[in-house]
PDB file of N, CA and C in Angstrom:
ATOM      1  N   UNK A   1      16.922  -8.252  -2.319  1.00  0.00           N
ATOM      2  CA  UNK A   1      16.112  -7.799  -1.471  1.00  0.00           C
ATOM      3  C   UNK A   1      15.034  -6.980  -2.503  1.00  0.00           C
ATOM      4  N   UNK A   2      13.666  -7.337  -2.096  1.00  0.00           N
ATOM      5  CA  UNK A   2      12.641  -6.784  -2.476  1.00  0.00           C
ATOM      6  C   UNK A   2      11.627  -6.629  -1.474  1.00  0.00           C
ATOM      7  N   UNK A   3      10.689  -5.486  -1.444  1.00  0.00           N
ATOM      8  CA  UNK A   3       9.887  -5.274  -0.524  1.00  0.00           C
ATOM      9  C   UNK A   3       8.480  -5.861  -1.050  1.00  0.00           C
ATOM     10  N   UNK A   4       7.942  -7.051   0.009  1.00  0.00           N
ATOM     11  CA  UNK A   4       6.694  -7.345  -0.612  1.00  0.00           C
ATOM     12  C   UNK A   4       5.560  -6.867   0.241  1.00  0.00           C
ATOM     13  N   UNK A   5       4.457  -6.649  -0.226  1.00  0.00           N
ATOM     14  CA  UNK A   5       3.180  -6.013   0.441  1.00  0.00           C
ATOM     15  C   UNK A   5       1.875  -6.682   0.684  1.00  0.00           C
ATOM     16  N   UNK A   6       0.964  -6.796   1.732  1.00  0.00           N
ATOM     17  CA  UNK A   6      -0.110  -7.186   1.470  1.00  0.00           C
ATOM     18  C   UNK A   6      -1.270  -5.876   1.208  1.00  0.00           C
ATOM     19  N   UNK A   7      -0.859  -5.127   0.186  1.00  0.00           N
ATOM     20  CA  UNK A   7      -1.855  -3.811   0.146  1.00  0.00           C
ATOM     21  C   UNK A   7      -3.557  -4.372  -0.508  1.00  0.00           C
ATOM     22  N   UNK A   8      -3.087  -5.284  -1.479  1.00  0.00           N
ATOM     23  CA  UNK A   8      -4.032  -5.539  -2.247  1.00  0.00           C
ATOM     24  C   UNK A   8      -5.349  -6.356  -1.111  1.00  0.00           C
ATOM     25  N   UNK A   9      -4.911  -7.252  -0.328  1.00  0.00           N
ATOM     26  CA  UNK A   9      -5.653  -7.940   0.644  1.00  0.00           C
ATOM     27  C   UNK A   9      -5.737  -6.887   1.580  1.00  0.00           C
ATOM     28  N   UNK A  10      -5.196  -5.615   2.139  1.00  0.00           N
ATOM     29  CA  UNK A  10      -6.155  -4.798   3.010  1.00  0.00           C
ATOM     30  C   UNK A  10      -6.921  -4.025   2.602  1.00  0.00           C
ATOM     31  N   UNK A  11      -6.773  -3.839   0.760  1.00  0.00           N
ATOM     32  CA  UNK A  11      -7.790  -3.037   0.496  1.00  0.00           C
ATOM     33  C   UNK A  11      -9.290  -3.710  -0.072  1.00  0.00           C
ATOM     34  N   UNK A  12      -9.135  -5.280  -0.043  1.00  0.00           N
ATOM     35  CA  UNK A  12     -10.044  -6.021  -0.193  1.00  0.00           C
ATOM     36  C   UNK A  12     -11.097  -5.995   1.060  1.00  0.00           C
ATOM     37  N   UNK A  13     -10.251  -6.229   2.237  1.00  0.00           N
ATOM     38  CA  UNK A  13     -10.565  -6.184   3.341  1.00  0.00           C
ATOM     39  C   UNK A  13     -11.686  -5.286   4.202  1.00  0.00           C
ATOM     40  N   UNK A  14     -11.143  -4.179   3.126  1.00  0.00           N
ATOM     41  CA  UNK A  14     -11.755  -2.579   3.481  1.00  0.00           C
ATOM     42  C   UNK A  14     -12.692  -2.290   2.836  1.00  0.00           C
ATOM     43  N   UNK A  15     -13.721  -3.063   2.602  1.00  0.00           N
ATOM     44  CA  UNK A  15     -14.993  -3.093   1.693  1.00  0.00           C
ATOM     45  C   UNK A  15     -14.635  -2.967   0.507  1.00  0.00           C
ATOM     46  N   UNK A  16     -13.652  -3.837  -0.061  1.00  0.00           N
ATOM     47  CA  UNK A  16     -13.127  -4.050  -1.299  1.00  0.00           C
ATOM     48  C   UNK A  16     -12.633  -2.386  -2.248  1.00  0.00           C
ATOM     49  N   UNK A  17     -12.150  -1.643  -1.319  1.00  0.00           N
ATOM     50  CA  UNK A  17     -11.605  -0.808  -1.778  1.00  0.00           C
ATOM     51  C   UNK A  17     -10.805  -0.378  -3.036  1.00  0.00           C
ATOM     52  N   UNK A  18     -11.015   0.741  -3.776  1.00  0.00           N
ATOM     53  CA  UNK A  18     -10.409   0.443  -5.167  1.00  0.00           C
ATOM     54  C   UNK A  18      -8.890   0.954  -5.119  1.00  0.00           C
ATOM     55  N   UNK A  19      -8.203   0.829  -5.994  1.00  0.00           N
ATOM     56  CA  UNK A  19      -7.066   1.349  -5.954  1.00  0.00           C
ATOM     57  C   UNK A  19      -7.025   2.942  -6.218  1.00  0.00           C
ATOM     58  N   UNK A  20      -8.028   3.278  -6.733  1.00  0.00           N
ATOM     59  CA  UNK A  20      -8.462   4.861  -6.859  1.00  0.00           C
ATOM     60  C   UNK A  20      -8.868   5.697  -5.607  1.00  0.00           C
ATOM     61  N   UNK A  21      -9.177   4.756  -4.982  1.00  0.00           N
ATOM     62  CA  UNK A  21      -9.857   5.402  -3.768  1.00  0.00           C
ATOM     63  C   UNK A  21      -8.720   5.365  -2.654  1.00  0.00           C
ATOM     64  N   UNK A  22      -8.055   4.515  -2.406  1.00  0.00           N
ATOM     65  CA  UNK A  22      -6.825   4.646  -1.739  1.00  0.00           C
ATOM     66  C   UNK A  22      -5.768   5.718  -2.374  1.00  0.00           C
ATOM     67  N   UNK A  23      -5.620   5.467  -3.262  1.00  0.00           N
ATOM     68  CA  UNK A  23      -4.692   6.972  -4.302  1.00  0.00           C
ATOM     69  C   UNK A  23      -5.245   8.515  -3.575  1.00  0.00           C
ATOM     70  N   UNK A  24      -6.794   8.551  -3.734  1.00  0.00           N
ATOM     71  CA  UNK A  24      -7.059   9.881  -3.198  1.00  0.00           C
ATOM     72  C   UNK A  24      -6.758  10.064  -1.435  1.00  0.00           C
ATOM     73  N   UNK A  25      -6.608   9.046  -1.150  1.00  0.00           N
ATOM     74  CA  UNK A  25      -7.015   8.896   0.304  1.00  0.00           C
ATOM     75  C   UNK A  25      -5.241   9.534   1.002  1.00  0.00           C
ATOM     76  N   UNK A  26      -4.522   8.756  -0.150  1.00  0.00           N
ATOM     77  CA  UNK A  26      -3.147   9.178   0.473  1.00  0.00           C
ATOM     78  C   UNK A  26      -2.163  10.341  -0.464  1.00  0.00           C
ATOM     79  N   UNK A  27      -2.707  10.809  -1.539  1.00  0.00           N
ATOM     80  CA  UNK A  27      -2.152  11.784  -2.166  1.00  0.00           C
ATOM     81  C   UNK A  27      -1.470  11.333  -3.135  1.00  0.00           C
ATOM     82  N   UNK A  28      -1.488  10.100  -4.014  1.00  0.00           N
ATOM     83  CA  UNK A  28      -0.868   9.764  -5.094  1.00  0.00           C
ATOM     84  C   UNK A  28      -1.519   9.362  -6.244  1.00  0.00           C
ATOM     85  N   UNK A  29      -1.082   8.791  -7.140  1.00  0.00           N
ATOM     86  CA  UNK A  29      -2.005   8.433  -8.320  1.00  0.00           C
ATOM     87  C   UNK A  29      -2.513   6.911  -8.146  1.00  0.00           C
ATOM     88  N   UNK A  30      -3.391   6.723  -9.261  1.00  0.00           N
ATOM     89  CA  UNK A  30      -3.762   5.163  -9.113  1.00  0.00           C
ATOM     90  C   UNK A  30      -2.559   4.443  -9.556  1.00  0.00           C
ATOM     91  N   UNK A  31      -2.068   4.871 -10.455  1.00  0.00           N
ATOM     92  CA  UNK A  31      -0.832   3.866 -10.796  1.00  0.00           C
ATOM     93  C   UNK A  31       0.059   3.662  -9.720  1.00  0.00           C
ATOM     94  N   UNK A  32       0.458   4.815  -8.696  1.00  0.00           N
ATOM     95  CA  UNK A  32       1.376   4.307  -7.830  1.00  0.00           C
ATOM     96  C   UNK A  32       1.098   3.435  -7.264  1.00  0.00           C
ATOM     97  N   UNK A  33      -0.318   3.409  -6.863  1.00  0.00           N
ATOM     98  CA  UNK A  33      -0.573   2.176  -5.825  1.00  0.00           C
ATOM     99  C   UNK A  33      -0.609   0.747  -6.514  1.00  0.00           C
ATOM    100  N   UNK A  34      -0.772   1.041  -7.862  1.00  0.00           N
ATOM    101  CA  UNK A  34      -0.268  -0.156  -8.854  1.00  0.00           C
ATOM    102  C   UNK A  34       0.817  -0.757  -8.678  1.00  0.00           C
ATOM    103  N   UNK A  35       1.596   0.106  -8.971  1.00  0.00           N
ATOM    104  CA  UNK A  35       3.111  -0.289  -9.045  1.00  0.00           C
ATOM    105  C   UNK A  35       3.586  -0.918  -7.654  1.00  0.00           C
ATOM    106  N   UNK A  36       3.021  -0.209  -6.618  1.00  0.00           N
ATOM    107  CA  UNK A  36       3.498  -0.709  -5.345  1.00  0.00           C
ATOM    108  C   UNK A  36       2.865  -2.011  -4.969  1.00  0.00           C
ATOM    109  N   UNK A  37       1.489  -2.316  -5.513  1.00  0.00           N
ATOM    110  CA  UNK A  37       1.202  -3.675  -5.167  1.00  0.00           C
ATOM    111  C   UNK A  37       1.951  -4.686  -6.056  1.00  0.00           C
ATOM    112  N   UNK A  38       2.373  -4.440  -7.428  1.00  0.00           N
ATOM    113  CA  UNK A  38       3.002  -5.327  -8.513  1.00  0.00           C
ATOM    114  C   UNK A  38       5.055  -5.290  -7.885  1.00  0.00           C
ATOM    115  N   UNK A  39       4.796  -4.577  -6.577  1.00  0.00           N
ATOM    116  CA  UNK A  39       6.253  -4.770  -6.366  1.00  0.00           C
ATOM    117  C   UNK A  39       7.521  -3.925  -7.428  1.00  0.00           C
ATOM    118  N   UNK A  40       6.558  -3.308  -8.328  1.00  0.00           N
ATOM    119  CA  UNK A  40       7.565  -1.836  -9.368  1.00  0.00           C
ATOM    120  C   UNK A  40       7.932  -1.298  -8.600  1.00  0.00           C
ATOM    121  N   UNK A  41       7.395  -0.435  -7.171  1.00  0.00           N
ATOM    122  CA  UNK A  41       7.880   0.798  -7.001  1.00  0.00           C
ATOM    123  C   UNK A  41       7.753   0.564  -5.492  1.00  0.00           C
ATOM    124  N   UNK A  42       9.093   1.002  -4.533  1.00  0.00           N
ATOM    125  CA  UNK A  42       8.963   0.952  -3.369  1.00  0.00           C
ATOM    126  C   UNK A  42       8.441   2.325  -2.829  1.00  0.00           C
ATOM    127  N   UNK A  43       7.644   2.383  -1.858  1.00  0.00           N
ATOM    128  CA  UNK A  43       7.026   3.717  -1.227  1.00  0.00           C
ATOM    129  C   UNK A  43       7.697   4.631  -0.647  1.00  0.00           C
ATOM    130  N   UNK A  44       7.879   5.722  -0.465  1.00  0.00           N
ATOM    131  CA  UNK A  44       9.281   6.286   0.622  1.00  0.00           C
ATOM    132  C   UNK A  44       8.217   5.885   2.041  1.00  0.00           C
ATOM    133  N   UNK A  45       9.117   6.142   2.924  1.00  0.00           N
ATOM    134  CA  UNK A  45       8.473   5.675   4.185  1.00  0.00           C
ATOM    135  C   UNK A  45       7.482   6.830   4.603  1.00  0.00           C
ATOM    136  N   UNK A  46       7.170   7.858   4.380  1.00  0.00           N
ATOM    137  CA  UNK A  46       6.062   8.804   4.581  1.00  0.00           C
ATOM    138  C   UNK A  46       4.541   8.158   3.701  1.00  0.00           C
ATOM    139  N   UNK A  47       5.021   7.849   2.447  1.00  0.00           N
ATOM    140  CA  UNK A  47       3.514   6.905   2.001  1.00  0.00           C
ATOM    141  C   UNK A  47       3.135   5.922   2.806  1.00  0.00           C
ATOM    142  N   UNK A  48       4.145   4.916   3.068  1.00  0.00           N
ATOM    143  CA  UNK A  48       4.054   3.716   3.736  1.00  0.00           C
ATOM    144  C   UNK A  48       3.390   3.986   4.569  1.00  0.00           C
ATOM    145  N   UNK A  49       3.885   4.896   5.894  1.00  0.00           N
ATOM    146  CA  UNK A  49       2.934   5.366   6.923  1.00  0.00           C
ATOM    147  C   UNK A  49       1.763   5.980   6.495  1.00  0.00           C
ATOM    148  N   UNK A  50       1.428   6.641   5.664  1.00  0.00           N
ATOM    149  CA  UNK A  50       0.137   7.221   5.521  1.00  0.00           C
ATOM    150  C   UNK A  50      -1.089   6.211   4.858  1.00  0.00           C
ATOM    151  N   UNK A  51       0.058   4.838   4.377  1.00  0.00           N
ATOM    152  CA  UNK A  51      -1.215   3.793   4.147  1.00  0.00           C
ATOM    153  C   UNK A  51      -1.525   3.086   5.101  1.00  0.00           C
ATOM    154  N   UNK A  52      -0.533   2.868   5.881  1.00  0.00           N
ATOM    155  CA  UNK A  52      -1.061   2.138   6.951  1.00  0.00           C
ATOM    156  C   UNK A  52      -1.598   2.638   8.169  1.00  0.00           C
ATOM    157  N   UNK A  53      -1.936   4.134   7.923  1.00  0.00           N
ATOM    158  CA  UNK A  53      -2.747   4.815   8.757  1.00  0.00           C
ATOM    159  C   UNK A  53      -4.440   4.670   8.157  1.00  0.00           C
ATOM    160  N   UNK A  54      -4.458   4.474   7.238  1.00  0.00           N
ATOM    161  CA  UNK A  54      -5.580   4.074   6.606  1.00  0.00           C
ATOM    162  C   UNK A  54      -6.572   2.954   6.849  1.00  0.00           C
ATOM    163  N   UNK A  55      -5.339   1.976   6.913  1.00  0.00           N
ATOM    164  CA  UNK A  55      -5.676   0.571   7.142  1.00  0.00           C
ATOM    165  C   UNK A  55      -5.823   0.293   8.823  1.00  0.00           C
ATOM    166  N   UNK A  56      -5.167   1.301   9.341  1.00  0.00           N
ATOM    167  CA  UNK A  56      -5.091   1.271  11.050  1.00  0.00           C
ATOM    168  C   UNK A  56      -4.322   0.165  11.368  1.00  0.00           C
ATOM    169  N   UNK A  57      -3.417  -0.003  10.607  1.00  0.00           N
ATOM    170  CA  UNK A  57      -2.522  -1.198  10.719  1.00  0.00           C
ATOM    171  C   UNK A  57      -0.778  -0.657  11.169  1.00  0.00           C
ATOM    172  N   UNK A  58       0.265  -1.202  11.384  1.00  0.00           N
ATOM    173  CA  UNK A  58       1.372  -1.080  11.609  1.00  0.00           C
ATOM    174  C   UNK A  58       2.128  -1.211  10.451  1.00  0.00           C
ATOM    175  N   UNK A  59       3.129  -0.670   9.655  1.00  0.00           N
ATOM    176  CA  UNK A  59       3.726  -0.777   8.624  1.00  0.00           C
ATOM    177  C   UNK A  59       4.055  -2.280   8.343  1.00  0.00           C
ATOM    178  N   UNK A  60       4.925  -2.636   9.310  1.00  0.00           N
ATOM    179  CA  UNK A  60       4.998  -4.257   8.995  1.00  0.00           C
ATOM    180  C   UNK A  60       3.902  -4.923   9.052  1.00  0.00           C
ATOM    181  N   UNK A  61       2.848  -4.602   9.069  1.00  0.00           N
ATOM    182  CA  UNK A  61       1.565  -5.536   9.134  1.00  0.00           C
ATOM    183  C   UNK A  61       1.098  -5.505   7.484  1.00  0.00           C
ATOM    184  N   UNK A  62       1.581  -4.317   6.724  1.00  0.00           N
ATOM    185  CA  UNK A  62       1.534  -3.993   5.265  1.00  0.00           C
ATOM    186  C   UNK A  62       2.719  -4.789   4.257  1.00  0.00           C
ATOM    187  N   UNK A  63       3.647  -4.063   4.752  1.00  0.00           N
ATOM    188  CA  UNK A  63       5.200  -3.833   3.952  1.00  0.00           C
ATOM    189  C   UNK A  63       5.904  -4.977   4.421  1.00  0.00           C
ATOM    190  N   UNK A  64       6.751  -6.150   3.973  1.00  0.00           N
ATOM    191  CA  UNK A  64       7.942  -7.017   4.555  1.00  0.00           C
ATOM    192  C   UNK A  64       8.635  -6.994   3.269  1.00  0.00           C
ATOM    193  N   UNK A  65       9.815  -7.840   3.975  1.00  0.00           N
ATOM    194  CA  UNK A  65      11.102  -7.865   3.073  1.00  0.00           C
ATOM    195  C   UNK A  65      11.170  -9.040   2.437  1.00  0.00           C
ATOM    196  N   UNK A  66      11.669  -9.437   1.172  1.00  0.00           N
ATOM    197  CA  UNK A  66      11.349 -10.642   0.573  1.00  0.00           C
ATOM    198  C   UNK A  66      13.193 -10.961   0.437  1.00  0.00           C
ATOM    199  N   UNK A  67      13.766 -11.992   1.104  1.00  0.00           N
ATOM    200  CA  UNK A  67      14.936 -12.002   0.769  1.00  0.00           C
ATOM    201  C   UNK A  67      15.481 -12.859  -0.543  1.00  0.00           C
TER     202      UNK A  67
END
């Protein structure tokens, strides 16, 4: 199983928010956001919730399981 995400789409829909801007909002590095988007890093529950809050979405609207 792998964790997929719509993070890049969410950033684009939010006035083309950069990885750096999102990273600053949630308190991580730009590389962390990049790694999440590339499915190389699974965010903690706390980080996933912070990201969802930034985009005013439920966690399940951003992150999903790939079988």
